[in-house]
């Protein structure tokens, strides 16, 4: 014997819950933009981070400070 088909009363009961957007704080210090390749630009905050990225990508160029 087949079970009867039960449909939800509201058509929007299956929707996913809406999420709040993630808001990042703006960094108010000096930043350095580093172009790794023609598609990728990285923003670093410290000289130590700049040196680390330059070790990984020796062909990288500093775009702006």
Foldseek 3Di string as FASTA:
>chain_A
DDDDDDDDPDPCPPDDDDDDDDDDDDDPADWWWKAQDPVDIDIHDDPVVVVVVCVVRVVIDTDGD
